[in-house]
Amino acid sequence: MKFALFYQSVISDWNHGNAHFLRGFMRALQQRGHEATCYEQEDNWSLRHLLAEEPDAIEKFRSRFPDLRFERYRLGPDLGDWLIEKLRAADVALIHEWNEPEVARLVAEVARQLGVHTLFHDTHYRVALDDGYRESLDLPRFDRILAYSRSLAERYRALGFRNVQVLHEAADVTVFGPRDVPKRDDVVFVGNCGDEDRIDDVERFIFESRRALPELRYAMYGVRYPERVLRAMGNGLNVEFRGRLANVDVPEVYSAAKVVLHVPRRQYVELLPGTPTIRMFEALASRACLVSSPWPDTDQLFTAGQDYALARDPDEMARTISRLVGDENAREELSRHGRETILARHTCGHRADELLGMLR
């Protein structure tokens, strides 16, 4: 089959955590003999920020992912004709939720005219919770909605949608795997900030554990942290903030840390249970020793205590980190089991097979 994929960006992962799964999903479809092309808006938000930091980012992407084919387009009056040309040869058009609503509407309209099967792929909470935004997408035009957890699918069904199926995120194991590097850090956290919803939990689970473990080396990566949080890292906490981390470099950073932390956003704990962030898949695929703050694994993706360590409060987080940093055998057992679970159930290849089964 021929897939036309509409992502915010396949090139950029600047504050775009979905880039990992979307790239891997595209590659997995190609490995199964299908054609896939990503179409992304030329001046999309993520790529615009990345190019401001790395003017050669597009060339770097081509070098790192030479097999991932993409084309860029501009919004404007000619977009409809351009879409007709691109979709005429496609069998399936998949549009990720992080696109301009006018693009989603137009893709669905053109695809319907041409007889192309349409998929709306949702890996966020915005569409299900924001009535105005959801209506602007004109979702009834799509043949199928792919939701990345059962709880998100249930929200769609409660809104009256019946064409909803679950497609969890997963790890691209062609990129994410263990690296043979020395341990340079005791504790690492990789995650962007953005909205204020994450700051309280970062301060509770990361900064409080740091205060209890001043002898350990802590490092954090990410973008969009407010100045007050950056000041807190340097003023007494001695957390080394290293800024943006390219997604392809994450496996090495995880492999070089004794313990990796996972602190999900509150929406994924309270509003969408069963929805871990992509960071869990990344860490476990990299064979990291992962410690996570609580999140309800209603979809039974992993096993707490075997794939990762669960810390229910900041005190337990500090105790767990201290124990694991000092116990190489315990770290090895957790990281081995977590990697095995990814390989058995949660690779992009598994998700590509699931989608192909749906389409058949």
Protein backbone atom coordinates (compact mmCIF):
# COMPACT_ATOMS: atom_id res chain seq x y z
CA MET A 1 0.00 0.00 0.00
CA LYS A 2 0.94 3.64 -0.39
CA PHE A 3 0.69 5.78 2.74
CA ALA A 4 0.50 9.58 2.72
CA LEU A 5 1.46 10.72 6.23
CA PHE A 6 0.72 14.25 7.40
CA TYR A 7 2.81 15.08 10.47
CA GLN A 8 3.61 18.41 12.08
CA SER A 9 7.18 17.37 11.33
CA VAL A 10 9.17 14.25 10.65
CA ILE A 11 12.31 16.39 10.39
CA SER A 12 12.15 18.16 13.76
CA ASP A 13 11.86 16.80 17.28
CA TRP A 14 12.10 20.25 18.94
CA ASN A 15 9.47 20.02 21.71
CA HIS A 16 7.88 17.33 19.54
CA GLY A 17 8.07 14.10 21.49
CA ASN A 18 5.87 12.30 18.97
CA ALA A 19 8.65 12.56 16.36
CA HIS A 20 10.30 9.38 17.69
CA PHE A 21 7.23 7.17 17.25
CA LEU A 22 6.11 8.77 13.99
CA ARG A 23 9.52 8.28 12.40
CA GLY A 24 9.74 4.70 13.62
CA PHE A 25 6.19 3.93 12.51
CA MET A 26 6.97 5.23 9.03
CA ARG A 27 10.15 3.16 8.87
CA ALA A 28 8.31 0.02 10.06
CA LEU A 29 5.70 0.38 7.31
CA GLN A 30 8.48 0.65 4.73
CA GLN A 31 10.25 -2.40 6.14
CA ARG A 32 7.05 -4.33 5.49
CA GLY A 33 7.10 -3.45 1.82
CA HIS A 34 4.80 -0.43 1.81
CA GLU A 35 5.51 3.05 0.46
CA ALA A 36 5.32 6.01 2.83
CA THR A 37 5.84 9.71 2.30
CA CYS A 38 5.56 12.35 5.01
CA TYR A 39 4.08 15.73 4.10
CA GLU A 40 4.76 18.56 6.52
CA GLN A 41 4.00 22.26 6.54
CA GLU A 42 7.07 24.21 5.49
CA ASP A 43 7.01 26.69 8.38
CA ASN A 44 5.66 24.37 11.09
CA TRP A 45 6.20 25.43 14.70
CA SER A 46 8.62 22.70 15.72
CA LEU A 47 10.89 22.97 12.70
CA ARG A 48 10.93 26.75 12.90
CA HIS A 49 12.33 26.58 16.44
CA LEU A 50 14.84 23.89 15.52
CA LEU A 51 16.17 25.83 12.52
CA ALA A 52 16.68 28.86 14.75
CA GLU A 53 19.11 26.74 16.79
CA GLU A 54 20.50 24.52 14.01
CA PRO A 55 20.32 26.08 10.53
CA ASP A 56 21.54 22.80 8.98
CA ALA A 57 18.89 20.66 10.73
CA ILE A 58 17.25 19.50 7.50
CA GLU A 59 20.55 18.29 6.08
CA LYS A 60 21.31 16.51 9.35
CA PHE A 61 17.95 14.77 9.21
CA ARG A 62 18.53 13.61 5.64
CA SER A 63 21.89 12.19 6.68
CA ARG A 64 20.54 10.40 9.75
CA PHE A 65 17.28 9.14 8.19
CA PRO A 66 18.03 8.73 4.48
CA ASP A 67 15.17 6.23 4.08
CA LEU A 68 12.43 8.56 5.35
CA ARG A 69 10.97 10.43 2.40
CA PHE A 70 9.33 13.80 3.02
CA GLU A 71 7.92 16.75 1.11
CA ARG A 72 7.11 20.20 2.43
CA TYR A 73 4.14 22.35 1.52
CA ARG A 74 2.81 25.84 2.13
CA LEU A 75 -0.66 26.84 3.25
CA GLY A 76 -2.47 28.79 0.58
CA PRO A 77 -5.07 28.73 -2.17
CA ASP A 78 -3.17 26.11 -4.20
CA LEU A 79 -3.07 23.55 -1.38
CA GLY A 80 -6.20 21.73 -2.59
CA ASP A 81 -4.79 21.14 -6.07
CA TRP A 82 -1.46 20.05 -4.58
CA LEU A 83 -3.24 17.53 -2.34
CA ILE A 84 -5.18 16.10 -5.27
CA GLU A 85 -1.88 15.48 -7.03
CA LYS A 86 -0.26 13.84 -4.00
CA LEU A 87 -3.22 11.75 -2.84
CA ARG A 88 -4.26 10.49 -6.24
CA ALA A 89 -1.75 7.64 -5.99
CA ALA A 90 -2.26 6.95 -2.26
CA ASP A 91 -4.23 4.15 -0.61
CA VAL A 92 -4.22 5.57 2.92
CA ALA A 93 -3.95 9.15 4.19
CA LEU A 94 -3.00 9.43 7.87
CA ILE A 95 -3.03 12.84 9.53
CA HIS A 96 -1.52 13.31 12.97
CA GLU A 97 -3.48 15.52 15.36
CA TRP A 98 -0.77 18.21 15.51
CA ASN A 99 -1.63 19.86 12.19
CA GLU A 100 -3.51 23.00 11.23
CA PRO A 101 -7.27 22.28 11.28
CA GLU A 102 -7.66 23.56 7.74
CA VAL A 103 -5.12 20.94 6.59
CA ALA A 104 -7.00 18.15 8.39
CA ARG A 105 -10.30 19.22 6.82
CA LEU A 106 -8.85 19.52 3.34
CA VAL A 107 -7.00 16.19 3.49
CA ALA A 108 -10.20 14.42 4.55
CA GLU A 109 -12.23 16.14 1.83
CA VAL A 110 -9.77 15.44 -1.00
CA ALA A 111 -9.19 11.86 0.16
CA ARG A 112 -12.92 11.17 0.18
CA GLN A 113 -13.26 12.51 -3.36
CA LEU A 114 -10.45 10.21 -4.49
CA GLY A 115 -11.56 7.13 -2.56
CA VAL A 116 -8.52 7.18 -0.25
CA HIS A 117 -8.96 5.68 3.22
CA THR A 118 -8.47 8.35 5.93
CA LEU A 119 -7.05 7.96 9.44
CA PHE A 120 -6.92 10.62 12.16
CA HIS A 121 -4.09 9.76 14.57
CA ASP A 122 -4.44 11.25 18.06
CA THR A 123 -1.53 11.12 20.51
CA HIS A 124 -2.61 13.97 22.81
CA TYR A 125 -5.45 15.03 25.09
CA ARG A 126 -6.28 18.30 23.31
CA VAL A 127 -8.78 17.02 20.73
CA ALA A 128 -10.88 15.03 23.20
CA LEU A 129 -11.07 17.87 25.75
CA ASP A 130 -11.29 21.04 23.61
CA ASP A 131 -14.71 21.11 21.97
CA GLY A 132 -13.95 24.06 19.71
CA TYR A 133 -10.68 22.65 18.46
CA ARG A 134 -12.23 19.24 17.86
CA GLU A 135 -15.09 20.70 15.85
CA SER A 136 -12.64 22.68 13.73
CA LEU A 137 -11.11 19.37 12.52
CA ASP A 138 -14.39 18.01 11.12
CA LEU A 139 -13.57 14.50 12.36
CA PRO A 140 -16.75 12.84 11.01
CA ARG A 141 -15.11 13.07 7.57
CA PHE A 142 -12.43 10.56 8.63
CA ASP A 143 -12.94 6.84 8.13
CA ARG A 144 -11.16 5.94 11.36
CA ILE A 145 -9.71 7.54 14.48
CA LEU A 146 -6.57 6.03 16.04
CA ALA A 147 -6.31 6.82 19.76
CA TYR A 148 -3.12 6.07 21.67
CA SER A 149 -4.81 4.63 24.77
CA ARG A 150 -8.06 3.00 25.74
CA SER A 151 -9.00 5.94 27.95
CA LEU A 152 -8.65 8.36 25.03
CA ALA A 153 -10.65 6.03 22.79
CA GLU A 154 -13.39 5.89 25.46
CA ARG A 155 -13.56 9.69 25.52
CA TYR A 156 -14.10 9.72 21.76
CA ARG A 157 -16.81 7.09 22.04
CA ALA A 158 -18.52 9.08 24.79
CA LEU A 159 -18.62 11.98 22.32
CA GLY A 160 -20.47 9.80 19.82
CA PHE A 161 -17.62 8.53 17.63
CA ARG A 162 -17.82 4.82 16.80
CA ASN A 163 -14.96 4.48 14.32
CA VAL A 164 -12.25 4.55 17.03
CA GLN A 165 -9.46 2.03 17.53
CA VAL A 166 -6.51 1.96 19.94
CA LEU A 167 -2.95 2.24 18.66
CA HIS A 168 -0.46 2.77 21.48
CA GLU A 169 2.87 4.45 20.95
CA ALA A 170 5.99 2.27 20.88
CA ALA A 171 9.77 2.30 20.53
CA ASP A 172 11.74 2.52 17.32
CA VAL A 173 14.33 -0.12 18.11
CA THR A 174 16.27 0.73 14.95
CA VAL A 175 17.28 3.88 16.88
CA PHE A 176 16.70 3.09 20.55
CA GLY A 177 18.93 0.45 22.06
CA PRO A 178 21.70 0.15 24.68
CA ARG A 179 25.02 1.85 23.98
CA ASP A 180 28.39 0.64 25.23
CA VAL A 181 29.43 3.81 27.06
CA PRO A 182 30.75 4.44 30.58
CA LYS A 183 28.38 5.69 33.28
CA ARG A 184 28.82 9.46 33.49
CA ASP A 185 25.74 10.44 35.52
CA ASP A 186 23.96 8.97 38.49
CA VAL A 187 20.49 10.32 37.65
CA VAL A 188 19.13 11.74 34.38
CA PHE A 189 15.78 13.21 33.41
CA VAL A 190 14.89 14.00 29.77
CA GLY A 191 11.70 15.96 29.20
CA ASN A 192 10.41 19.27 27.93
CA CYS A 193 8.46 21.67 30.08
CA GLY A 194 6.18 23.89 27.98
CA ASP A 195 3.00 24.36 29.98
CA GLU A 196 3.06 24.92 33.72
CA ASP A 197 1.30 21.58 34.30
CA ARG A 198 4.59 19.71 34.72
CA ILE A 199 6.53 22.02 37.04
CA ASP A 200 4.96 20.94 40.35
CA ASP A 201 5.74 17.27 39.74
CA VAL A 202 9.27 18.04 38.53
CA GLU A 203 9.89 19.97 41.73
CA ARG A 204 8.37 17.22 43.92
CA PHE A 205 9.84 14.10 42.38
CA ILE A 206 13.11 15.36 40.91
CA PHE A 207 14.17 18.34 42.98
CA GLU A 208 13.10 16.93 46.36
CA SER A 209 14.92 13.67 45.71
CA ARG A 210 17.92 15.73 44.69
CA ARG A 211 17.89 17.56 48.04
CA ALA A 212 17.92 14.20 49.82
CA LEU A 213 20.80 12.88 47.69
CA PRO A 214 23.30 15.75 47.39
CA GLU A 215 26.21 13.37 46.77
CA LEU A 216 24.80 12.12 43.44
CA ARG A 217 25.28 13.68 40.02
CA TYR A 218 21.95 14.83 38.54
CA ALA A 219 21.44 16.06 34.96
CA MET A 220 18.37 17.29 33.08
CA TYR A 221 17.66 17.87 29.39
CA GLY A 222 14.79 19.68 27.67
CA VAL A 223 13.40 22.95 26.36
CA ARG A 224 10.89 25.60 27.44
CA TYR A 225 11.73 25.56 31.14
CA PRO A 226 10.84 28.87 32.84
CA GLU A 227 13.61 30.98 34.26
CA ARG A 228 12.61 30.32 37.89
CA VAL A 229 13.03 26.57 37.38
CA LEU A 230 16.40 27.04 35.68
CA ARG A 231 17.52 29.22 38.60
CA ALA A 232 16.40 26.57 41.08
CA MET A 233 18.56 23.95 39.35
CA GLY A 234 21.67 26.05 39.81
CA ASN A 235 20.95 27.66 43.17
CA GLY A 236 21.80 24.99 45.70
CA LEU A 237 20.33 22.00 43.87
CA ASN A 238 23.40 21.48 41.70
CA VAL A 239 21.37 19.90 38.90
CA GLU A 240 23.26 20.23 35.62
CA PHE A 241 20.85 21.52 32.98
CA ARG A 242 22.06 20.62 29.48
CA GLY A 243 19.25 22.01 27.33
CA ARG A 244 17.85 20.47 24.19
CA LEU A 245 18.71 16.88 23.38
CA ALA A 246 18.21 15.53 19.87
CA ASN A 247 16.04 12.43 19.94
CA VAL A 248 18.67 10.27 18.22
CA ASP A 249 21.12 11.11 21.03
CA VAL A 250 18.79 10.01 23.84
CA PRO A 251 19.90 6.33 23.87
CA GLU A 252 23.50 7.28 24.61
CA VAL A 253 22.48 9.66 27.40
CA TYR A 254 20.28 6.96 28.95
CA SER A 255 23.00 4.34 28.61
CA ALA A 256 25.48 6.65 30.36
CA ALA A 257 23.23 7.08 33.42
CA LYS A 258 22.84 4.70 36.33
CA VAL A 259 19.18 5.73 36.84
CA VAL A 260 16.71 7.42 34.47
CA LEU A 261 13.62 9.22 35.79
CA HIS A 262 10.13 9.34 34.30
CA VAL A 263 7.70 12.00 35.51
CA PRO A 264 4.55 12.00 33.34
CA ARG A 265 2.47 15.11 32.86
CA ARG A 266 -0.54 15.33 35.14
CA GLN A 267 -3.00 14.96 32.24
CA TYR A 268 -1.69 11.45 31.60
CA VAL A 269 -2.16 10.54 35.25
CA GLU A 270 -5.57 12.10 35.92
CA LEU A 271 -7.33 12.52 32.56
CA LEU A 272 -5.95 9.72 30.38
CA PRO A 273 -4.91 6.73 32.51
CA GLY A 274 -3.03 4.05 30.64
CA THR A 275 -1.13 6.62 28.59
CA PRO A 276 2.59 6.72 29.42
CA THR A 277 4.75 9.29 27.73
CA ILE A 278 7.03 8.19 24.90
CA ARG A 279 9.91 8.54 27.38
CA MET A 280 9.02 5.22 28.99
CA PHE A 281 9.29 3.40 25.69
CA GLU A 282 12.55 5.23 24.92
CA ALA A 283 14.15 4.43 28.29
CA LEU A 284 13.17 0.77 28.38
CA ALA A 285 14.22 0.23 24.75
CA SER A 286 17.60 1.77 25.65
CA ARG A 287 17.93 -0.77 28.49
CA ALA A 288 17.88 2.01 31.07
CA CYS A 289 17.19 1.45 34.75
CA LEU A 290 13.97 3.47 34.98
CA VAL A 291 12.31 4.94 38.07
CA SER A 292 8.85 6.44 37.50
CA SER A 293 6.48 8.56 39.52
CA PRO A 294 2.97 7.02 39.66
CA TRP A 295 0.74 6.63 36.62
CA PRO A 296 -2.17 4.18 36.26
CA ASP A 297 -1.19 1.48 33.78
CA THR A 298 -4.79 0.51 33.02
CA ASP A 299 -3.80 -0.92 29.62
CA GLN A 300 -1.24 -3.27 31.23
CA LEU A 301 1.60 -2.18 28.99
CA PHE A 302 4.35 -2.81 31.55
CA THR A 303 4.89 -4.42 34.95
CA ALA A 304 5.95 -2.14 37.80
CA GLY A 305 8.73 -3.68 39.85
CA GLN A 306 9.94 -5.77 36.91
CA ASP A 307 10.22 -3.42 33.91
CA TYR A 308 10.74 -0.29 36.01
CA ALA A 309 10.74 0.85 39.63
CA LEU A 310 7.69 2.76 40.89
CA ALA A 311 8.12 5.61 43.39
CA ARG A 312 4.81 6.76 44.87
CA ASP A 313 6.08 9.91 46.58
CA PRO A 314 9.28 11.98 46.77
CA ASP A 315 10.62 10.10 49.79
CA GLU A 316 10.21 6.76 48.03
CA MET A 317 11.77 8.27 44.92
CA ALA A 318 14.89 9.25 46.90
CA ARG A 319 15.12 5.85 48.60
CA THR A 320 14.68 3.99 45.32
CA ILE A 321 17.27 6.09 43.51
CA SER A 322 19.78 5.64 46.33
CA ARG A 323 19.25 1.87 46.38
CA LEU A 324 19.57 1.43 42.62
CA VAL A 325 22.58 3.72 42.20
CA GLY A 326 24.39 1.51 44.71
CA ASP A 327 23.21 -1.86 43.39
CA GLU A 328 24.44 -2.73 39.91
CA ASN A 329 22.77 -6.15 39.94
CA ALA A 330 19.35 -4.66 40.70
CA ARG A 331 19.82 -2.12 37.93
CA GLU A 332 20.80 -4.86 35.50
CA GLU A 333 17.73 -6.97 36.32
CA LEU A 334 15.29 -4.07 35.85
CA SER A 335 16.89 -2.83 32.64
CA ARG A 336 17.07 -6.32 31.13
CA HIS A 337 13.42 -7.07 31.84
CA GLY A 338 12.28 -3.69 30.52
CA ARG A 339 14.14 -4.13 27.25
CA GLU A 340 12.70 -7.63 26.82
CA THR A 341 9.16 -6.29 27.28
CA ILE A 342 9.72 -3.67 24.59
CA LEU A 343 11.07 -6.22 22.13
CA ALA A 344 8.23 -8.63 22.84
CA ARG A 345 5.30 -6.20 22.67
CA HIS A 346 6.07 -2.53 22.09
CA THR A 347 8.13 -1.83 18.99
CA CYS A 348 7.06 0.32 16.05
CA GLY A 349 6.98 -2.91 14.08
CA HIS A 350 4.29 -4.24 16.40
CA ARG A 351 2.22 -1.09 15.85
CA ALA A 352 2.66 -1.20 12.08
CA ASP A 353 1.41 -4.80 12.10
CA GLU A 354 -1.57 -3.76 14.23
CA LEU A 355 -2.52 -0.99 11.82
CA LEU A 356 -2.13 -3.22 8.80
CA GLY A 357 -4.38 -5.75 10.50
CA MET A 358 -7.01 -3.05 11.04
CA LEU A 359 -6.86 -2.02 7.39
CA ARG A 360 -7.18 -5.61 6.20
